[in-house]
Amino acid sequence: QVQLVESGGGLVQAGGSLRLSCAASGSTFSSYAMGWFRQAPGKEREFVTAITSSGGSTYYAESVKGRFAISRDNAKNTVYLQMNSLKPEDTAVYYCAAVAQAGTSGRHLYTERFYDYWGQGTQVTVSS
């Protein structure tokens, strides 16, 4: 079992930055790949970015490449999402998710149904 708690959301102007954190507890964090997803009002939840358990590989949605960066600190059981050059269309609830790395290929990390554990989400609002 893994418990995930996101933090760091808030209101920011377009062009600004935010850093989200997701703190994990309850199991061996370093054995889990981690992902960030987001859900805007009236839309389905979508993939944002993911990172393998070691941090050696990262994956990004095209819409955030070059603006967002995922990282993790296995000593602190935390994954981060640095968001720069924010746009109003980035407004959404952001969720972190975890899946056991063993048996999970990179292509699985783009798909929410492969994740086993989810946080409660944190709201990010970007004003124009």
Foldseek 3Di string as FASTA:
>chain_A
DKAKAKDWADEEAAQAKTKMKIAIDDDQLLQKKKFKWWDDPPGDIFGAKIAASPRPDIDGDPVQPPFWDWGDDSVRRMIMIIGGRDDQVVWTWMKMFIAGRVPDDPVNRRDPVRTDDIYPTDTHGYHD
